[in-house]
């Protein structure tokens, strides 16, 4: 879809939480332009339709700026070896690229204002209802750690409840949605 640059200023929340900002803007934009498509955010940087990836967010810091890249599968999607992909057009909602980009830009302005003026906790509160539900089985891929989604900490870290009842915080990593026991094969 495109990239935007956020120039960090004194007093901004941690730059690492900008993935949540972009996720909120992205999910709200898709909900406004394709309300019949059920999407959910997957921590920290994907938008899913069902279990298929429909959009992703990448960030790169350069000095006191962060470049946020957002890729949205409007009409076509790459074939990924490790996960299914989806498109908004494939879900019955073709959206003009330029129209989507303008709407996403407005959404980013709104979410950045919230992040800067109300803080990370406010972005976390906006992100949670747009994400997979509490109790969703997850796996932190790199460590092979399984648990249940228990929300986000105020700093944006993933809260993962382990089988032993311990809740651990995950600050970075690739997270997979897992099927609940007994669902599918």
C-alpha atoms as a PDB file:
ATOM      1  CA  UNK A   1       0.000   0.000   0.000  1.00  0.00           C
ATOM      2  CA  UNK A   2       2.692   2.453   0.974  1.00  0.00           C
ATOM      3  CA  UNK A   3       4.900   3.932   3.622  1.00  0.00           C
ATOM      4  CA  UNK A   4       4.753   6.835   5.989  1.00  0.00           C
ATOM      5  CA  UNK A   5       7.415   8.441   8.134  1.00  0.00           C
ATOM      6  CA  UNK A   6       6.821   9.349  11.765  1.00  0.00           C
ATOM      7  CA  UNK A   7       9.289  11.895  13.111  1.00  0.00           C
ATOM      8  CA  UNK A   8       9.641  11.191  16.813  1.00  0.00           C
ATOM      9  CA  UNK A   9       9.409  14.077  19.227  1.00  0.00           C
ATOM     10  CA  UNK A  10      10.273  14.508  22.889  1.00  0.00           C
ATOM     11  CA  UNK A  11       7.570  12.929  25.017  1.00  0.00           C
ATOM     12  CA  UNK A  12       6.348  10.470  22.379  1.00  0.00           C
ATOM     13  CA  UNK A  13       5.501   6.973  23.605  1.00  0.00           C
ATOM     14  CA  UNK A  14       8.006   4.208  22.708  1.00  0.00           C
ATOM     15  CA  UNK A  15       8.578   3.934  18.960  1.00  0.00           C
ATOM     16  CA  UNK A  16       8.063   0.162  19.154  1.00  0.00           C
ATOM     17  CA  UNK A  17       4.360   0.756  19.822  1.00  0.00           C
ATOM     18  CA  UNK A  18       3.877   2.370  16.411  1.00  0.00           C
ATOM     19  CA  UNK A  19       3.004  -1.099  15.038  1.00  0.00           C
ATOM     20  CA  UNK A  20      -0.110  -0.959  17.222  1.00  0.00           C
ATOM     21  CA  UNK A  21      -0.871   2.555  15.949  1.00  0.00           C
ATOM     22  CA  UNK A  22      -0.625   1.373  12.341  1.00  0.00           C
ATOM     23  CA  UNK A  23      -2.717  -1.705  13.143  1.00  0.00           C
ATOM     24  CA  UNK A  24      -5.521   0.394  14.610  1.00  0.00           C
ATOM     25  CA  UNK A  25      -5.509   2.702  11.581  1.00  0.00           C
ATOM     26  CA  UNK A  26      -5.435  -0.237   9.165  1.00  0.00           C
ATOM     27  CA  UNK A  27      -8.212  -2.249  10.854  1.00  0.00           C
ATOM     28  CA  UNK A  28     -10.478   0.801  11.176  1.00  0.00           C
ATOM     29  CA  UNK A  29      -9.900   1.706   7.518  1.00  0.00           C
ATOM     30  CA  UNK A  30     -10.803  -1.798   6.322  1.00  0.00           C
ATOM     31  CA  UNK A  31     -13.858  -1.825   8.619  1.00  0.00           C
ATOM     32  CA  UNK A  32     -15.034   1.506   7.170  1.00  0.00           C
ATOM     33  CA  UNK A  33     -14.484   0.567   3.511  1.00  0.00           C
ATOM     34  CA  UNK A  34     -15.354  -3.143   3.700  1.00  0.00           C
ATOM     35  CA  UNK A  35     -17.692  -3.527   6.689  1.00  0.00           C
ATOM     36  CA  UNK A  36     -18.899  -6.971   5.583  1.00  0.00           C
ATOM     37  CA  UNK A  37     -15.348  -8.421   5.719  1.00  0.00           C
ATOM     38  CA  UNK A  38     -14.578  -9.832   9.161  1.00  0.00           C
ATOM     39  CA  UNK A  39     -10.977  -8.996   9.990  1.00  0.00           C
ATOM     40  CA  UNK A  40      -8.846  -9.252  13.090  1.00  0.00           C
ATOM     41  CA  UNK A  41      -5.471  -7.924  14.099  1.00  0.00           C
ATOM     42  CA  UNK A  42      -2.770 -10.421  15.038  1.00  0.00           C
ATOM     43  CA  UNK A  43      -0.059  -9.116  17.313  1.00  0.00           C
ATOM     44  CA  UNK A  44       2.091  -7.319  16.486  1.00  0.00           C
ATOM     45  CA  UNK A  45       1.701  -6.505  12.809  1.00  0.00           C
ATOM     46  CA  UNK A  46      -0.792  -8.505  10.706  1.00  0.00           C
ATOM     47  CA  UNK A  47      -4.399  -8.113   9.629  1.00  0.00           C
ATOM     48  CA  UNK A  48      -6.202 -11.400   9.050  1.00  0.00           C
ATOM     49  CA  UNK A  49      -9.368 -12.474   7.271  1.00  0.00           C
ATOM     50  CA  UNK A  50     -10.171 -15.724   9.019  1.00  0.00           C
ATOM     51  CA  UNK A  51      -6.753 -17.332   9.354  1.00  0.00           C
ATOM     52  CA  UNK A  52      -5.424 -15.797   6.117  1.00  0.00           C
ATOM     53  CA  UNK A  53      -3.066 -12.821   6.072  1.00  0.00           C
ATOM     54  CA  UNK A  54      -4.591  -9.858   4.260  1.00  0.00           C
ATOM     55  CA  UNK A  55      -2.169  -7.101   5.298  1.00  0.00           C
ATOM     56  CA  UNK A  56       1.090  -6.619   7.116  1.00  0.00           C
ATOM     57  CA  UNK A  57       3.022  -3.823   8.782  1.00  0.00           C
ATOM     58  CA  UNK A  58       6.796  -3.382   8.765  1.00  0.00           C
ATOM     59  CA  UNK A  59       8.755  -0.739  10.634  1.00  0.00           C
ATOM     60  CA  UNK A  60      12.299   0.526  10.299  1.00  0.00           C
ATOM     61  CA  UNK A  61      13.899   3.125  12.520  1.00  0.00           C
ATOM     62  CA  UNK A  62      16.272   5.670  11.014  1.00  0.00           C
ATOM     63  CA  UNK A  63      17.628   8.038  13.669  1.00  0.00           C
ATOM     64  CA  UNK A  64      14.743   9.930  15.195  1.00  0.00           C
ATOM     65  CA  UNK A  65      12.265   8.758  12.543  1.00  0.00           C
ATOM     66  CA  UNK A  66      10.363   5.544  11.950  1.00  0.00           C
ATOM     67  CA  UNK A  67       9.310   4.408   8.496  1.00  0.00           C
ATOM     68  CA  UNK A  68       6.067   2.434   8.659  1.00  0.00           C
ATOM     69  CA  UNK A  69       5.309   0.301   5.627  1.00  0.00           C
ATOM     70  CA  UNK A  70       1.848  -1.172   5.193  1.00  0.00           C
ATOM     71  CA  UNK A  71       1.095  -3.795   2.587  1.00  0.00           C
ATOM     72  CA  UNK A  72      -2.560  -4.551   1.915  1.00  0.00           C
ATOM     73  CA  UNK A  73      -3.781  -7.294  -0.405  1.00  0.00           C
ATOM     74  CA  UNK A  74      -6.487  -5.313  -2.164  1.00  0.00           C
ATOM     75  CA  UNK A  75      -6.661  -7.369  -5.389  1.00  0.00           C
ATOM     76  CA  UNK A  76      -3.818  -9.893  -5.331  1.00  0.00           C
ATOM     77  CA  UNK A  77      -1.799 -11.661  -2.670  1.00  0.00           C
ATOM     78  CA  UNK A  78       1.551 -13.406  -2.641  1.00  0.00           C
ATOM     79  CA  UNK A  79       1.666 -17.154  -2.133  1.00  0.00           C
ATOM     80  CA  UNK A  80       3.361 -17.725   1.225  1.00  0.00           C
ATOM     81  CA  UNK A  81       4.818 -21.117   2.118  1.00  0.00           C
ATOM     82  CA  UNK A  82       3.880 -20.903   5.793  1.00  0.00           C
ATOM     83  CA  UNK A  83       0.395 -19.372   5.820  1.00  0.00           C
ATOM     84  CA  UNK A  84      -2.668 -18.728   3.674  1.00  0.00           C
ATOM     85  CA  UNK A  85      -3.274 -15.280   2.227  1.00  0.00           C
ATOM     86  CA  UNK A  86      -6.416 -13.402   1.276  1.00  0.00           C
ATOM     87  CA  UNK A  87      -7.456 -10.293  -0.631  1.00  0.00           C
ATOM     88  CA  UNK A  88     -10.249  -7.823  -0.042  1.00  0.00           C
ATOM     89  CA  UNK A  89     -11.384  -8.280  -3.665  1.00  0.00           C
ATOM     90  CA  UNK A  90     -11.445 -12.043  -3.078  1.00  0.00           C
ATOM     91  CA  UNK A  91     -13.734 -11.407  -0.114  1.00  0.00           C
ATOM     92  CA  UNK A  92     -16.154  -9.625  -2.459  1.00  0.00           C
ATOM     93  CA  UNK A  93     -14.971  -6.096  -1.738  1.00  0.00           C
ATOM     94  CA  UNK A  94     -12.899  -4.508  -4.486  1.00  0.00           C
ATOM     95  CA  UNK A  95     -11.549  -1.160  -3.238  1.00  0.00           C
ATOM     96  CA  UNK A  96      -9.790   1.448  -5.349  1.00  0.00           C
ATOM     97  CA  UNK A  97      -6.125   1.696  -4.297  1.00  0.00           C
ATOM     98  CA  UNK A  98      -6.027   5.501  -4.196  1.00  0.00           C
ATOM     99  CA  UNK A  99      -9.264   5.709  -2.223  1.00  0.00           C
ATOM    100  CA  UNK A 100      -7.930   3.164   0.264  1.00  0.00           C
ATOM    101  CA  UNK A 101      -4.610   5.027   0.584  1.00  0.00           C
ATOM    102  CA  UNK A 102      -6.372   8.350   1.326  1.00  0.00           C
ATOM    103  CA  UNK A 103      -8.616   6.735   3.943  1.00  0.00           C
ATOM    104  CA  UNK A 104      -5.648   4.948   5.544  1.00  0.00           C
ATOM    105  CA  UNK A 105      -3.717   8.236   5.666  1.00  0.00           C
ATOM    106  CA  UNK A 106      -6.568   9.869   7.564  1.00  0.00           C
ATOM    107  CA  UNK A 107      -6.731   6.855   9.887  1.00  0.00           C
ATOM    108  CA  UNK A 108      -2.988   7.125  10.581  1.00  0.00           C
ATOM    109  CA  UNK A 109      -3.304  10.810  11.442  1.00  0.00           C
ATOM    110  CA  UNK A 110      -6.104  10.013  13.893  1.00  0.00           C
ATOM    111  CA  UNK A 111      -4.280   7.063  15.496  1.00  0.00           C
ATOM    112  CA  UNK A 112      -1.002   9.020  15.752  1.00  0.00           C
ATOM    113  CA  UNK A 113      -2.825  11.875  17.470  1.00  0.00           C
ATOM    114  CA  UNK A 114      -4.254   9.409  20.011  1.00  0.00           C
ATOM    115  CA  UNK A 115      -0.801   7.830  20.538  1.00  0.00           C
ATOM    116  CA  UNK A 116       0.887  11.189  21.073  1.00  0.00           C
ATOM    117  CA  UNK A 117      -1.790  12.864  23.196  1.00  0.00           C
ATOM    118  CA  UNK A 118      -3.363   9.964  25.098  1.00  0.00           C
ATOM    119  CA  UNK A 119      -0.464   7.508  25.216  1.00  0.00           C
ATOM    120  CA  UNK A 120       0.156   3.856  24.514  1.00  0.00           C
ATOM    121  CA  UNK A 121      -2.507   2.610  26.931  1.00  0.00           C
ATOM    122  CA  UNK A 122      -5.157   4.392  24.844  1.00  0.00           C
ATOM    123  CA  UNK A 123      -3.864   2.756  21.656  1.00  0.00           C
ATOM    124  CA  UNK A 124      -3.872  -0.627  23.414  1.00  0.00           C
ATOM    125  CA  UNK A 125      -7.531  -0.059  24.367  1.00  0.00           C
ATOM    126  CA  UNK A 126      -8.335   0.769  20.722  1.00  0.00           C
ATOM    127  CA  UNK A 127      -6.349  -2.235  19.420  1.00  0.00           C
ATOM    128  CA  UNK A 128      -7.858  -4.941  21.641  1.00  0.00           C
ATOM    129  CA  UNK A 129     -11.426  -4.996  20.230  1.00  0.00           C
ATOM    130  CA  UNK A 130      -9.971  -5.175  16.707  1.00  0.00           C
ATOM    131  CA  UNK A 131      -7.878  -8.257  17.503  1.00  0.00           C
ATOM    132  CA  UNK A 132      -8.478 -11.960  17.929  1.00  0.00           C
ATOM    133  CA  UNK A 133     -10.494 -12.644  21.098  1.00  0.00           C
ATOM    134  CA  UNK A 134      -9.065 -13.176  24.556  1.00  0.00           C
ATOM    135  CA  UNK A 135      -8.359 -16.859  25.109  1.00  0.00           C
ATOM    136  CA  UNK A 136      -7.214 -17.439  21.511  1.00  0.00           C
ATOM    137  CA  UNK A 137      -4.499 -20.132  21.456  1.00  0.00           C
ATOM    138  CA  UNK A 138      -1.173 -18.662  20.294  1.00  0.00           C
ATOM    139  CA  UNK A 139       2.372 -19.842  19.716  1.00  0.00           C
ATOM    140  CA  UNK A 140       5.469 -17.658  19.912  1.00  0.00           C
ATOM    141  CA  UNK A 141       7.246 -19.307  16.978  1.00  0.00           C
ATOM    142  CA  UNK A 142      10.904 -18.641  17.746  1.00  0.00           C
ATOM    143  CA  UNK A 143      10.697 -20.081  21.251  1.00  0.00           C
ATOM    144  CA  UNK A 144       7.979 -22.657  20.525  1.00  0.00           C
ATOM    145  CA  UNK A 145       5.999 -21.330  23.488  1.00  0.00           C
ATOM    146  CA  UNK A 146       2.249 -21.961  23.504  1.00  0.00           C
ATOM    147  CA  UNK A 147      -0.376 -20.159  25.519  1.00  0.00           C
ATOM    148  CA  UNK A 148      -3.629 -18.256  25.450  1.00  0.00           C
ATOM    149  CA  UNK A 149      -3.983 -14.622  24.439  1.00  0.00           C
ATOM    150  CA  UNK A 150      -4.588 -12.626  27.594  1.00  0.00           C
ATOM    151  CA  UNK A 151      -4.549  -9.161  26.018  1.00  0.00           C
ATOM    152  CA  UNK A 152      -1.793  -6.591  25.933  1.00  0.00           C
ATOM    153  CA  UNK A 153       0.139  -4.861  28.676  1.00  0.00           C
ATOM    154  CA  UNK A 154      -0.094  -1.072  28.794  1.00  0.00           C
ATOM    155  CA  UNK A 155       3.263  -0.885  26.983  1.00  0.00           C
ATOM    156  CA  UNK A 156       1.899  -2.976  24.083  1.00  0.00           C
ATOM    157  CA  UNK A 157       3.578  -6.273  25.052  1.00  0.00           C
ATOM    158  CA  UNK A 158       1.593  -9.441  24.363  1.00  0.00           C
ATOM    159  CA  UNK A 159       0.248 -11.148  27.499  1.00  0.00           C
ATOM    160  CA  UNK A 160       0.454 -14.931  27.032  1.00  0.00           C
ATOM    161  CA  UNK A 161      -1.068 -17.236  29.669  1.00  0.00           C
ATOM    162  CA  UNK A 162       0.851 -20.500  29.793  1.00  0.00           C
ATOM    163  CA  UNK A 163      -0.636 -23.910  30.669  1.00  0.00           C
ATOM    164  CA  UNK A 164       0.877 -23.644  34.156  1.00  0.00           C
ATOM    165  CA  UNK A 165      -1.152 -20.467  34.765  1.00  0.00           C
ATOM    166  CA  UNK A 166       1.859 -18.151  34.516  1.00  0.00           C
ATOM    167  CA  UNK A 167       1.391 -15.067  32.345  1.00  0.00           C
ATOM    168  CA  UNK A 168       4.449 -14.036  30.393  1.00  0.00           C
ATOM    169  CA  UNK A 169       5.032 -10.831  28.481  1.00  0.00           C
ATOM    170  CA  UNK A 170       6.246 -11.045  24.899  1.00  0.00           C
ATOM    171  CA  UNK A 171       7.851  -7.838  23.604  1.00  0.00           C
ATOM    172  CA  UNK A 172       8.910  -9.085  20.160  1.00  0.00           C
ATOM    173  CA  UNK A 173       8.491 -12.177  18.047  1.00  0.00           C
ATOM    174  CA  UNK A 174       6.442 -13.948  15.423  1.00  0.00           C
ATOM    175  CA  UNK A 175       3.134 -15.142  16.837  1.00  0.00           C
ATOM    176  CA  UNK A 176       0.923 -17.778  15.224  1.00  0.00           C
ATOM    177  CA  UNK A 177      -2.767 -18.322  15.882  1.00  0.00           C
ATOM    178  CA  UNK A 178      -3.313 -21.931  16.869  1.00  0.00           C
ATOM    179  CA  UNK A 179      -6.447 -24.012  16.494  1.00  0.00           C
ATOM    180  CA  UNK A 180      -8.205 -24.833  19.739  1.00  0.00           C
ATOM    181  CA  UNK A 181      -7.851 -28.488  20.772  1.00  0.00           C
ATOM    182  CA  UNK A 182     -10.452 -30.598  18.965  1.00  0.00           C
ATOM    183  CA  UNK A 183     -11.044 -28.065  16.165  1.00  0.00           C
ATOM    184  CA  UNK A 184     -10.266 -29.187  12.638  1.00  0.00           C
ATOM    185  CA  UNK A 185      -7.493 -31.581  11.749  1.00  0.00           C
END
